[in-house]
Amino acid sequence: MIVAYRVKERAVFLYAFAKNERENIEPDELEDLRLVARGWLEATWERIETALKDGAIQEVQHDEESDA
């Protein structure tokens, strides 16, 4: 799984694959994923909201666990 992450702000799942289906991604694919990651990590909240409404991206919900 390849994830772009900005500390305490945003994580973007970019790509996932089973290791039994392919060993790794190609260098040109990695460069493309870096461009996509940069775009979403730098995106305004308005752009993200629009993409969510349009179905271009999907938000993954999670539950916060307490340390107690």
PDB file of N, CA and C in Angstrom:
ATOM      1  N   MET A   1       0.839  -1.163   0.000  1.00  0.00           N
ATOM      2  CA  MET A   1       0.000   0.000   0.000  1.00  0.00           C
ATOM      3  C   MET A   1       0.893   1.237   0.000  1.00  0.00           C
ATOM      4  N   ILE A   2       0.511   2.212  -0.790  1.00  0.00           N
ATOM      5  CA  ILE A   2       1.257   3.466  -0.845  1.00  0.00           C
ATOM      6  C   ILE A   2       0.341   4.571  -0.340  1.00  0.00           C
ATOM      7  N   VAL A   3       0.836   5.290   0.662  1.00  0.00           N
ATOM      8  CA  VAL A   3       0.061   6.340   1.304  1.00  0.00           C
ATOM      9  C   VAL A   3       0.894   7.614   1.348  1.00  0.00           C
ATOM     10  N   ALA A   4       0.289   8.722   0.992  1.00  0.00           N
ATOM     11  CA  ALA A   4       0.920  10.033   1.174  1.00  0.00           C
ATOM     12  C   ALA A   4       0.425  10.560   2.513  1.00  0.00           C
ATOM     13  N   TYR A   5       1.326  11.137   3.286  1.00  0.00           N
ATOM     14  CA  TYR A   5       0.969  11.525   4.645  1.00  0.00           C
ATOM     15  C   TYR A   5       1.585  12.861   5.006  1.00  0.00           C
ATOM     16  N   ARG A   6       0.768  13.745   5.540  1.00  0.00           N
ATOM     17  CA  ARG A   6       1.238  15.007   6.092  1.00  0.00           C
ATOM     18  C   ARG A   6       0.893  14.964   7.572  1.00  0.00           C
ATOM     19  N   VAL A   7       1.905  15.021   8.413  1.00  0.00           N
ATOM     20  CA  VAL A   7       1.773  14.829   9.857  1.00  0.00           C
ATOM     21  C   VAL A   7       0.644  15.679  10.437  1.00  0.00           C
ATOM     22  N   LYS A   8      -0.237  15.016  11.175  1.00  0.00           N
ATOM     23  CA  LYS A   8      -1.364  15.628  11.902  1.00  0.00           C
ATOM     24  C   LYS A   8      -2.322  16.397  11.009  1.00  0.00           C
ATOM     25  N   GLU A   9      -2.282  16.139   9.721  1.00  0.00           N
ATOM     26  CA  GLU A   9      -3.171  16.881   8.839  1.00  0.00           C
ATOM     27  C   GLU A   9      -3.972  15.983   7.917  1.00  0.00           C
ATOM     28  N   ARG A  10      -3.270  15.128   7.150  1.00  0.00           N
ATOM     29  CA  ARG A  10      -3.965  14.400   6.089  1.00  0.00           C
ATOM     30  C   ARG A  10      -3.175  13.174   5.678  1.00  0.00           C
ATOM     31  N   ALA A  11      -3.904  12.105   5.386  1.00  0.00           N
ATOM     32  CA  ALA A  11      -3.320  10.908   4.785  1.00  0.00           C
ATOM     33  C   ALA A  11      -4.138  10.578   3.541  1.00  0.00           C
ATOM     34  N   VAL A  12      -3.450  10.243   2.458  1.00  0.00           N
ATOM     35  CA  VAL A  12      -4.114   9.936   1.196  1.00  0.00           C
ATOM     36  C   VAL A  12      -3.643   8.560   0.739  1.00  0.00           C
ATOM     37  N   PHE A  13      -4.589   7.627   0.642  1.00  0.00           N
ATOM     38  CA  PHE A  13      -4.269   6.302   0.113  1.00  0.00           C
ATOM     39  C   PHE A  13      -4.168   6.430  -1.396  1.00  0.00           C
ATOM     40  N   LEU A  14      -3.015   6.075  -1.938  1.00  0.00           N
ATOM     41  CA  LEU A  14      -2.770   6.263  -3.365  1.00  0.00           C
ATOM     42  C   LEU A  14      -2.901   4.983  -4.172  1.00  0.00           C
ATOM     43  N   TYR A  15      -2.387   3.881  -3.630  1.00  0.00           N
ATOM     44  CA  TYR A  15      -2.334   2.664  -4.434  1.00  0.00           C
ATOM     45  C   TYR A  15      -2.084   1.473  -3.521  1.00  0.00           C
ATOM     46  N   ALA A  16      -2.698   0.357  -3.850  1.00  0.00           N
ATOM     47  CA  ALA A  16      -2.448  -0.877  -3.102  1.00  0.00           C
ATOM     48  C   ALA A  16      -2.395  -2.041  -4.086  1.00  0.00           C
ATOM     49  N   PHE A  17      -1.560  -3.005  -3.760  1.00  0.00           N
ATOM     50  CA  PHE A  17      -1.474  -4.199  -4.596  1.00  0.00           C
ATOM     51  C   PHE A  17      -1.008  -5.362  -3.751  1.00  0.00           C
ATOM     52  N   ALA A  18      -1.387  -6.544  -4.164  1.00  0.00           N
ATOM     53  CA  ALA A  18      -0.956  -7.761  -3.476  1.00  0.00           C
ATOM     54  C   ALA A  18       0.438  -8.137  -3.959  1.00  0.00           C
ATOM     55  N   LYS A  19       1.310  -8.446  -3.025  1.00  0.00           N
ATOM     56  CA  LYS A  19       2.691  -8.792  -3.389  1.00  0.00           C
ATOM     57  C   LYS A  19       2.761 -10.080  -4.205  1.00  0.00           C
ATOM     58  N   ASN A  20       1.729 -10.904  -4.135  1.00  0.00           N
ATOM     59  CA  ASN A  20       1.736 -12.118  -4.961  1.00  0.00           C
ATOM     60  C   ASN A  20       1.309 -11.818  -6.405  1.00  0.00           C
ATOM     61  N   GLU A  21       0.825 -10.591  -6.646  1.00  0.00           N
ATOM     62  CA  GLU A  21       0.428 -10.209  -7.995  1.00  0.00           C
ATOM     63  C   GLU A  21       1.507  -9.409  -8.724  1.00  0.00           C
ATOM     64  N   ARG A  22       2.290  -8.668  -7.956  1.00  0.00           N
ATOM     65  CA  ARG A  22       3.410  -7.932  -8.535  1.00  0.00           C
ATOM     66  C   ARG A  22       4.390  -7.608  -7.422  1.00  0.00           C
ATOM     67  N   GLU A  23       5.665  -7.521  -7.770  1.00  0.00           N
ATOM     68  CA  GLU A  23       6.698  -7.287  -6.760  1.00  0.00           C
ATOM     69  C   GLU A  23       6.741  -5.853  -6.283  1.00  0.00           C
ATOM     70  N   ASN A  24       6.643  -4.921  -7.208  1.00  0.00           N
ATOM     71  CA  ASN A  24       6.793  -3.526  -6.851  1.00  0.00           C
ATOM     72  C   ASN A  24       6.188  -2.669  -7.950  1.00  0.00           C
ATOM     73  N   ILE A  25       6.236  -1.370  -7.788  1.00  0.00           N
ATOM     74  CA  ILE A  25       5.780  -0.474  -8.843  1.00  0.00           C
ATOM     75  C   ILE A  25       6.987   0.025  -9.618  1.00  0.00           C
ATOM     76  N   GLU A  26       6.733   0.428 -10.835  1.00  0.00           N
ATOM     77  CA  GLU A  26       7.799   0.914 -11.710  1.00  0.00           C
ATOM     78  C   GLU A  26       8.161   2.358 -11.342  1.00  0.00           C
ATOM     79  N   PRO A  27       9.380   2.782 -11.653  1.00  0.00           N
ATOM     80  CA  PRO A  27       9.800   4.149 -11.339  1.00  0.00           C
ATOM     81  C   PRO A  27       8.889   5.231 -11.920  1.00  0.00           C
ATOM     82  N   ASP A  28       8.388   5.023 -13.145  1.00  0.00           N
ATOM     83  CA  ASP A  28       7.494   6.022 -13.733  1.00  0.00           C
ATOM     84  C   ASP A  28       6.152   6.060 -13.012  1.00  0.00           C
ATOM     85  N   GLU A  29       5.683   4.908 -12.528  1.00  0.00           N
ATOM     86  CA  GLU A  29       4.456   4.878 -11.737  1.00  0.00           C
ATOM     87  C   GLU A  29       4.652   5.622 -10.414  1.00  0.00           C
ATOM     88  N   LEU A  30       5.790   5.433  -9.792  1.00  0.00           N
ATOM     89  CA  LEU A  30       6.092   6.111  -8.542  1.00  0.00           C
ATOM     90  C   LEU A  30       6.109   7.625  -8.742  1.00  0.00           C
ATOM     91  N   GLU A  31       6.687   8.081  -9.831  1.00  0.00           N
ATOM     92  CA  GLU A  31       6.718   9.514 -10.118  1.00  0.00           C
ATOM     93  C   GLU A  31       5.301  10.055 -10.294  1.00  0.00           C
ATOM     94  N   ASP A  32       4.449   9.311 -11.004  1.00  0.00           N
ATOM     95  CA  ASP A  32       3.054   9.726 -11.170  1.00  0.00           C
ATOM     96  C   ASP A  32       2.337   9.796  -9.825  1.00  0.00           C
ATOM     97  N   LEU A  33       2.565   8.802  -8.973  1.00  0.00           N
ATOM     98  CA  LEU A  33       1.941   8.788  -7.651  1.00  0.00           C
ATOM     99  C   LEU A  33       2.421   9.954  -6.792  1.00  0.00           C
ATOM    100  N   ARG A  34       3.675  10.323  -6.934  1.00  0.00           N
ATOM    101  CA  ARG A  34       4.196  11.488  -6.205  1.00  0.00           C
ATOM    102  C   ARG A  34       3.489  12.768  -6.628  1.00  0.00           C
ATOM    103  N   LEU A  35       3.218  12.903  -7.912  1.00  0.00           N
ATOM    104  CA  LEU A  35       2.504  14.083  -8.408  1.00  0.00           C
ATOM    105  C   LEU A  35       1.074  14.118  -7.868  1.00  0.00           C
ATOM    106  N   VAL A  36       0.415  12.974  -7.892  1.00  0.00           N
ATOM    107  CA  VAL A  36      -0.943  12.886  -7.353  1.00  0.00           C
ATOM    108  C   VAL A  36      -0.932  13.205  -5.861  1.00  0.00           C
ATOM    109  N   ALA A  37       0.022  12.634  -5.147  1.00  0.00           N
ATOM    110  CA  ALA A  37       0.130  12.873  -3.706  1.00  0.00           C
ATOM    111  C   ALA A  37       0.315  14.350  -3.417  1.00  0.00           C
ATOM    112  N   ARG A  38       1.205  14.987  -4.131  1.00  0.00           N
ATOM    113  CA  ARG A  38       1.450  16.415  -3.919  1.00  0.00           C
ATOM    114  C   ARG A  38       0.164  17.211  -4.125  1.00  0.00           C
ATOM    115  N   GLY A  39      -0.568  16.880  -5.165  1.00  0.00           N
ATOM    116  CA  GLY A  39      -1.814  17.584  -5.446  1.00  0.00           C
ATOM    117  C   GLY A  39      -2.822  17.465  -4.317  1.00  0.00           C
ATOM    118  N   TRP A  40      -2.995  16.263  -3.771  1.00  0.00           N
ATOM    119  CA  TRP A  40      -3.977  16.085  -2.704  1.00  0.00           C
ATOM    120  C   TRP A  40      -3.476  16.568  -1.356  1.00  0.00           C
ATOM    121  N   LEU A  41      -2.198  16.472  -1.103  1.00  0.00           N
ATOM    122  CA  LEU A  41      -1.679  16.978   0.168  1.00  0.00           C
ATOM    123  C   LEU A  41      -1.720  18.503   0.225  1.00  0.00           C
ATOM    124  N   GLU A  42      -1.616  19.150  -0.920  1.00  0.00           N
ATOM    125  CA  GLU A  42      -1.644  20.606  -0.975  1.00  0.00           C
ATOM    126  C   GLU A  42      -3.039  21.169  -1.265  1.00  0.00           C
ATOM    127  N   ALA A  43      -4.003  20.297  -1.497  1.00  0.00           N
ATOM    128  CA  ALA A  43      -5.354  20.728  -1.862  1.00  0.00           C
ATOM    129  C   ALA A  43      -6.025  21.493  -0.725  1.00  0.00           C
ATOM    130  N   THR A  44      -6.810  22.476  -1.102  1.00  0.00           N
ATOM    131  CA  THR A  44      -7.604  23.205  -0.112  1.00  0.00           C
ATOM    132  C   THR A  44      -8.762  22.322   0.330  1.00  0.00           C
ATOM    133  N   TRP A  45      -9.317  22.668   1.490  1.00  0.00           N
ATOM    134  CA  TRP A  45     -10.477  21.906   1.978  1.00  0.00           C
ATOM    135  C   TRP A  45     -11.656  22.060   1.022  1.00  0.00           C
ATOM    136  N   GLU A  46     -11.773  23.198   0.361  1.00  0.00           N
ATOM    137  CA  GLU A  46     -12.850  23.401  -0.605  1.00  0.00           C
ATOM    138  C   GLU A  46     -12.708  22.444  -1.783  1.00  0.00           C
ATOM    139  N   ARG A  47     -11.479  22.269  -2.259  1.00  0.00           N
ATOM    140  CA  ARG A  47     -11.251  21.333  -3.371  1.00  0.00           C
ATOM    141  C   ARG A  47     -11.564  19.909  -2.939  1.00  0.00           C
ATOM    142  N   ILE A  48     -11.182  19.555  -1.730  1.00  0.00           N
ATOM    143  CA  ILE A  48     -11.452  18.206  -1.220  1.00  0.00           C
ATOM    144  C   ILE A  48     -12.952  17.982  -1.088  1.00  0.00           C
ATOM    145  N   GLU A  49     -13.665  18.959  -0.541  1.00  0.00           N
ATOM    146  CA  GLU A  49     -15.121  18.836  -0.405  1.00  0.00           C
ATOM    147  C   GLU A  49     -15.798  18.657  -1.758  1.00  0.00           C
ATOM    148  N   THR A  50     -15.348  19.404  -2.753  1.00  0.00           N
ATOM    149  CA  THR A  50     -15.906  19.280  -4.095  1.00  0.00           C
ATOM    150  C   THR A  50     -15.629  17.888  -4.662  1.00  0.00           C
ATOM    151  N   ALA A  51     -14.405  17.399  -4.510  1.00  0.00           N
ATOM    152  CA  ALA A  51     -14.044  16.065  -5.015  1.00  0.00           C
ATOM    153  C   ALA A  51     -14.846  14.977  -4.306  1.00  0.00           C
ATOM    154  N   LEU A  52     -15.101  15.143  -3.025  1.00  0.00           N
ATOM    155  CA  LEU A  52     -15.934  14.186  -2.287  1.00  0.00           C
ATOM    156  C   LEU A  52     -17.354  14.167  -2.836  1.00  0.00           C
ATOM    157  N   LYS A  53     -17.924  15.344  -3.051  1.00  0.00           N
ATOM    158  CA  LYS A  53     -19.290  15.450  -3.583  1.00  0.00           C
ATOM    159  C   LYS A  53     -19.394  14.869  -4.982  1.00  0.00           C
ATOM    160  N   ASP A  54     -18.356  15.086  -5.799  1.00  0.00           N
ATOM    161  CA  ASP A  54     -18.343  14.594  -7.179  1.00  0.00           C
ATOM    162  C   ASP A  54     -18.032  13.102  -7.275  1.00  0.00           C
ATOM    163  N   GLY A  55     -17.564  12.512  -6.177  1.00  0.00           N
ATOM    164  CA  GLY A  55     -17.201  11.093  -6.192  1.00  0.00           C
ATOM    165  C   GLY A  55     -15.797  10.827  -6.713  1.00  0.00           C
ATOM    166  N   ALA A  56     -15.003  11.872  -6.893  1.00  0.00           N
ATOM    167  CA  ALA A  56     -13.635  11.704  -7.390  1.00  0.00           C
ATOM    168  C   ALA A  56     -12.746  11.057  -6.331  1.00  0.00           C
ATOM    169  N   ILE A  57     -13.061  11.320  -5.066  1.00  0.00           N
ATOM    170  CA  ILE A  57     -12.334  10.706  -3.955  1.00  0.00           C
ATOM    171  C   ILE A  57     -13.345  10.219  -2.932  1.00  0.00           C
ATOM    172  N   GLN A  58     -12.898   9.379  -2.034  1.00  0.00           N
ATOM    173  CA  GLN A  58     -13.757   8.833  -0.992  1.00  0.00           C
ATOM    174  C   GLN A  58     -13.052   8.977   0.343  1.00  0.00           C
ATOM    175  N   GLU A  59     -13.789   9.428   1.344  1.00  0.00           N
ATOM    176  CA  GLU A  59     -13.222   9.569   2.682  1.00  0.00           C
ATOM    177  C   GLU A  59     -13.366   8.256   3.433  1.00  0.00           C
ATOM    178  N   VAL A  60     -12.292   7.860   4.102  1.00  0.00           N
ATOM    179  CA  VAL A  60     -12.304   6.651   4.920  1.00  0.00           C
ATOM    180  C   VAL A  60     -12.430   7.095   6.373  1.00  0.00           C
ATOM    181  N   GLN A  61     -13.486   6.661   7.010  1.00  0.00           N
ATOM    182  CA  GLN A  61     -13.723   7.023   8.400  1.00  0.00           C
ATOM    183  C   GLN A  61     -12.932   6.098   9.319  1.00  0.00           C
ATOM    184  N   HIS A  62     -12.589   6.601  10.488  1.00  0.00           N
ATOM    185  CA  HIS A  62     -11.906   5.779  11.480  1.00  0.00           C
ATOM    186  C   HIS A  62     -12.367   6.206  12.858  1.00  0.00           C
ATOM    187  N   ASP A  63     -12.215   5.318  13.810  1.00  0.00           N
ATOM    188  CA  ASP A  63     -12.521   5.635  15.204  1.00  0.00           C
ATOM    189  C   ASP A  63     -11.238   5.931  15.923  1.00  0.00           C
ATOM    190  N   GLU A  64     -11.245   6.990  16.700  1.00  0.00           N
ATOM    191  CA  GLU A  64     -10.081   7.325  17.505  1.00  0.00           C
ATOM    192  C   GLU A  64     -10.119   6.477  18.767  1.00  0.00           C
ATOM    193  N   GLU A  65      -9.016   5.845  19.097  1.00  0.00           N
ATOM    194  CA  GLU A  65      -8.925   5.054  20.308  1.00  0.00           C
ATOM    195  C   GLU A  65      -8.275   5.888  21.390  1.00  0.00           C
ATOM    196  N   SER A  66      -8.806   5.784  22.586  1.00  0.00           N
ATOM    197  CA  SER A  66      -8.192   6.531  23.687  1.00  0.00           C
ATOM    198  C   SER A  66      -7.067   5.712  24.290  1.00  0.00           C
ATOM    199  N   ASP A  67      -6.153   6.404  24.958  1.00  0.00           N
ATOM    200  CA  ASP A  67      -5.030   5.719  25.596  1.00  0.00           C
ATOM    201  C   ASP A  67      -5.401   5.177  26.968  1.00  0.00           C
ATOM    202  N   ALA A  68      -6.621   5.397  27.401  1.00  0.00           N
ATOM    203  CA  ALA A  68      -7.049   4.975  28.728  1.00  0.00           C
ATOM    204  C   ALA A  68      -7.257   3.486  28.818  1.00  0.00           C
TER     205      ALA A  68
END
